[in-house]
Amino acid sequence: MEKVEAVDIRLKNYLKLAGYEKWARSYATVNRGWTLTSNIAESINEVLVLARELPIYDFLEEVRLLFAKWNCENRQQASYTFTPLIGKFYNILKENEALCTHVTVVPATEYVYTVHKK
């Protein structure tokens, strides 16, 4: 919790307010087996087996790094994909392209933009 507090005291307060039993297995009041998962959750769990033993802050950092890596790999793979869209989705794309000519896009940060209708 000291690491969490060093990053953002609000996060520490949020985790305390939520209750340790909701996010820390060692404080769980019931033994649910933690089995209500989807296939993607199973894939992520498989990769994070060792990370689950870490303190919460270090665990979250491992998750962030994993998702960043996967996102980068998927983006790179997608950039080399040149498959034409089927009719339905091509029409949606063309419609959105026409609609976007009537908006102004203003950057708010490097990754966030505000879109205003003209």
C-alpha atoms as a PDB file:
ATOM      1  CA  MET A   1       0.000   0.000   0.000  1.00  0.00           C
ATOM      2  CA  GLU A   2       2.999   2.281   0.500  1.00  0.00           C
ATOM      3  CA  LYS A   3       3.820   2.006  -3.208  1.00  0.00           C
ATOM      4  CA  VAL A   4       0.209   2.756  -4.123  1.00  0.00           C
ATOM      5  CA  GLU A   5       0.182   5.772  -1.804  1.00  0.00           C
ATOM      6  CA  ALA A   6       3.437   7.044  -3.352  1.00  0.00           C
ATOM      7  CA  VAL A   7       1.806   7.057  -6.778  1.00  0.00           C
ATOM      8  CA  ASP A   8      -1.611   8.449  -5.852  1.00  0.00           C
ATOM      9  CA  ILE A   9      -3.149   8.738  -2.395  1.00  0.00           C
ATOM     10  CA  ARG A  10      -6.613   8.719  -3.981  1.00  0.00           C
ATOM     11  CA  LEU A  11      -6.055   5.177  -5.232  1.00  0.00           C
ATOM     12  CA  LYS A  12      -5.044   3.993  -1.769  1.00  0.00           C
ATOM     13  CA  ASN A  13      -8.147   5.612  -0.278  1.00  0.00           C
ATOM     14  CA  TYR A  14     -10.330   4.050  -2.989  1.00  0.00           C
ATOM     15  CA  LEU A  15      -8.935   0.568  -2.355  1.00  0.00           C
ATOM     16  CA  LYS A  16      -9.429   0.942   1.399  1.00  0.00           C
ATOM     17  CA  LEU A  17     -12.976   2.224   0.906  1.00  0.00           C
ATOM     18  CA  ALA A  18     -13.819  -0.662  -1.442  1.00  0.00           C
ATOM     19  CA  GLY A  19     -12.657  -3.082   1.197  1.00  0.00           C
ATOM     20  CA  TYR A  20      -9.730  -5.462   1.118  1.00  0.00           C
ATOM     21  CA  GLU A  21     -12.068  -8.431   0.831  1.00  0.00           C
ATOM     22  CA  LYS A  22     -13.128  -7.305  -2.657  1.00  0.00           C
ATOM     23  CA  TRP A  23      -9.679  -7.198  -4.223  1.00  0.00           C
ATOM     24  CA  ALA A  24      -7.271  -9.150  -2.008  1.00  0.00           C
ATOM     25  CA  ARG A  25      -7.712 -12.916  -1.879  1.00  0.00           C
ATOM     26  CA  SER A  26      -6.127 -13.152   1.551  1.00  0.00           C
ATOM     27  CA  TYR A  27      -8.994 -11.023   2.955  1.00  0.00           C
ATOM     28  CA  ALA A  28     -11.797 -12.708   0.989  1.00  0.00           C
ATOM     29  CA  THR A  29     -14.734 -13.681   3.188  1.00  0.00           C
ATOM     30  CA  VAL A  30     -15.806 -16.537   0.895  1.00  0.00           C
ATOM     31  CA  ASN A  31     -13.996 -19.151  -1.143  1.00  0.00           C
ATOM     32  CA  ARG A  32     -15.543 -18.805  -4.568  1.00  0.00           C
ATOM     33  CA  GLY A  33     -12.760 -20.616  -6.348  1.00  0.00           C
ATOM     34  CA  TRP A  34     -12.280 -17.624  -8.626  1.00  0.00           C
ATOM     35  CA  THR A  35     -13.660 -19.615 -11.573  1.00  0.00           C
ATOM     36  CA  LEU A  36     -16.171 -17.250 -13.161  1.00  0.00           C
ATOM     37  CA  THR A  37     -13.962 -16.301 -16.084  1.00  0.00           C
ATOM     38  CA  SER A  38     -14.049 -15.998 -19.854  1.00  0.00           C
ATOM     39  CA  ASN A  39     -11.541 -17.375 -22.349  1.00  0.00           C
ATOM     40  CA  ILE A  40      -9.692 -14.048 -22.532  1.00  0.00           C
ATOM     41  CA  ALA A  41      -9.507 -13.953 -18.745  1.00  0.00           C
ATOM     42  CA  GLU A  42      -8.076 -17.473 -18.782  1.00  0.00           C
ATOM     43  CA  SER A  43      -5.442 -16.393 -21.306  1.00  0.00           C
ATOM     44  CA  ILE A  44      -4.470 -13.398 -19.210  1.00  0.00           C
ATOM     45  CA  ASN A  45      -4.402 -15.501 -16.028  1.00  0.00           C
ATOM     46  CA  GLU A  46      -2.100 -18.006 -17.721  1.00  0.00           C
ATOM     47  CA  VAL A  47       0.408 -15.280 -18.577  1.00  0.00           C
ATOM     48  CA  LEU A  48       0.206 -13.648 -15.135  1.00  0.00           C
ATOM     49  CA  VAL A  49       0.719 -16.787 -13.012  1.00  0.00           C
ATOM     50  CA  LEU A  50       3.972 -15.556 -11.468  1.00  0.00           C
ATOM     51  CA  ALA A  51       2.832 -11.928 -11.239  1.00  0.00           C
ATOM     52  CA  ARG A  52      -0.097 -12.930  -8.995  1.00  0.00           C
ATOM     53  CA  GLU A  53       2.355 -13.434  -6.148  1.00  0.00           C
ATOM     54  CA  LEU A  54       3.465  -9.780  -6.299  1.00  0.00           C
ATOM     55  CA  PRO A  55       2.083  -6.915  -4.183  1.00  0.00           C
ATOM     56  CA  ILE A  56      -0.899  -5.178  -5.803  1.00  0.00           C
ATOM     57  CA  TYR A  57       1.050  -2.222  -7.202  1.00  0.00           C
ATOM     58  CA  ASP A  58       3.707  -4.414  -8.829  1.00  0.00           C
ATOM     59  CA  PHE A  59       1.010  -6.749 -10.135  1.00  0.00           C
ATOM     60  CA  LEU A  60      -0.847  -3.857 -11.778  1.00  0.00           C
ATOM     61  CA  GLU A  61       2.409  -2.670 -13.340  1.00  0.00           C
ATOM     62  CA  GLU A  62       2.954  -6.155 -14.811  1.00  0.00           C
ATOM     63  CA  VAL A  63      -0.590  -6.112 -16.219  1.00  0.00           C
ATOM     64  CA  ARG A  64      -0.011  -2.656 -17.725  1.00  0.00           C
ATOM     65  CA  LEU A  65       3.221  -3.788 -19.383  1.00  0.00           C
ATOM     66  CA  LEU A  66       1.588  -6.957 -20.710  1.00  0.00           C
ATOM     67  CA  PHE A  67      -1.320  -5.076 -22.267  1.00  0.00           C
ATOM     68  CA  ALA A  68       1.031  -2.471 -23.742  1.00  0.00           C
ATOM     69  CA  LYS A  69       3.107  -5.241 -25.339  1.00  0.00           C
ATOM     70  CA  TRP A  70       0.051  -7.019 -26.746  1.00  0.00           C
ATOM     71  CA  ASN A  71      -1.400  -3.757 -28.016  1.00  0.00           C
ATOM     72  CA  CYS A  72       1.847  -2.883 -29.795  1.00  0.00           C
ATOM     73  CA  GLU A  73       2.133  -6.331 -31.379  1.00  0.00           C
ATOM     74  CA  ASN A  74      -1.501  -6.301 -32.523  1.00  0.00           C
ATOM     75  CA  ARG A  75      -1.188  -2.786 -33.942  1.00  0.00           C
ATOM     76  CA  GLN A  76       1.929  -3.767 -35.856  1.00  0.00           C
ATOM     77  CA  GLN A  77       0.260  -6.884 -37.226  1.00  0.00           C
ATOM     78  CA  ALA A  78      -2.832  -4.902 -38.222  1.00  0.00           C
ATOM     79  CA  SER A  79      -0.734  -2.288 -40.034  1.00  0.00           C
ATOM     80  CA  TYR A  80       0.334  -4.987 -42.519  1.00  0.00           C
ATOM     81  CA  THR A  81      -3.224  -6.176 -43.137  1.00  0.00           C
ATOM     82  CA  PHE A  82      -4.823  -4.956 -46.337  1.00  0.00           C
ATOM     83  CA  THR A  83      -8.020  -6.979 -46.537  1.00  0.00           C
ATOM     84  CA  PRO A  84     -10.973  -5.222 -48.171  1.00  0.00           C
ATOM     85  CA  LEU A  85     -14.062  -4.778 -46.034  1.00  0.00           C
ATOM     86  CA  ILE A  86     -17.294  -6.580 -46.810  1.00  0.00           C
ATOM     87  CA  GLY A  87     -20.123  -4.434 -48.165  1.00  0.00           C
ATOM     88  CA  LYS A  88     -21.943  -3.680 -44.900  1.00  0.00           C
ATOM     89  CA  PHE A  89     -18.858  -2.411 -43.098  1.00  0.00           C
ATOM     90  CA  TYR A  90     -17.512  -0.625 -46.152  1.00  0.00           C
ATOM     91  CA  ASN A  91     -20.787   1.321 -46.352  1.00  0.00           C
ATOM     92  CA  ILE A  92     -20.575   2.234 -42.640  1.00  0.00           C
ATOM     93  CA  LEU A  93     -17.008   3.427 -43.168  1.00  0.00           C
ATOM     94  CA  LYS A  94     -18.007   5.556 -46.174  1.00  0.00           C
ATOM     95  CA  GLU A  95     -20.924   7.044 -44.232  1.00  0.00           C
ATOM     96  CA  ASN A  96     -18.635   7.927 -41.311  1.00  0.00           C
ATOM     97  CA  GLU A  97     -16.126   9.419 -43.733  1.00  0.00           C
ATOM     98  CA  ALA A  98     -18.828  11.689 -45.136  1.00  0.00           C
ATOM     99  CA  LEU A  99     -20.002  12.660 -41.639  1.00  0.00           C
ATOM    100  CA  CYS A 100     -16.491  13.510 -40.477  1.00  0.00           C
ATOM    101  CA  THR A 101     -16.209  16.281 -43.061  1.00  0.00           C
ATOM    102  CA  HIS A 102     -18.684  18.223 -40.904  1.00  0.00           C
ATOM    103  CA  VAL A 103     -16.650  18.170 -37.688  1.00  0.00           C
ATOM    104  CA  THR A 104     -13.607  19.922 -36.268  1.00  0.00           C
ATOM    105  CA  VAL A 105     -11.064  17.904 -34.315  1.00  0.00           C
ATOM    106  CA  VAL A 106      -9.051  19.708 -31.637  1.00  0.00           C
ATOM    107  CA  PRO A 107      -6.220  17.915 -29.821  1.00  0.00           C
ATOM    108  CA  ALA A 108      -6.599  18.008 -26.032  1.00  0.00           C
ATOM    109  CA  THR A 109      -3.490  15.913 -25.317  1.00  0.00           C
ATOM    110  CA  GLU A 110      -1.237  13.716 -27.390  1.00  0.00           C
ATOM    111  CA  TYR A 111      -3.829  10.918 -27.340  1.00  0.00           C
ATOM    112  CA  VAL A 112      -7.133  12.655 -26.551  1.00  0.00           C
ATOM    113  CA  TYR A 113      -9.069  14.788 -29.013  1.00  0.00           C
ATOM    114  CA  THR A 114     -12.228  16.862 -28.806  1.00  0.00           C
ATOM    115  CA  VAL A 115     -14.625  16.625 -31.730  1.00  0.00           C
ATOM    116  CA  HIS A 116     -16.981  19.556 -32.462  1.00  0.00           C
ATOM    117  CA  LYS A 117     -19.754  19.626 -35.020  1.00  0.00           C
ATOM    118  CA  LYS A 118     -19.369  22.509 -37.509  1.00  0.00           C
END
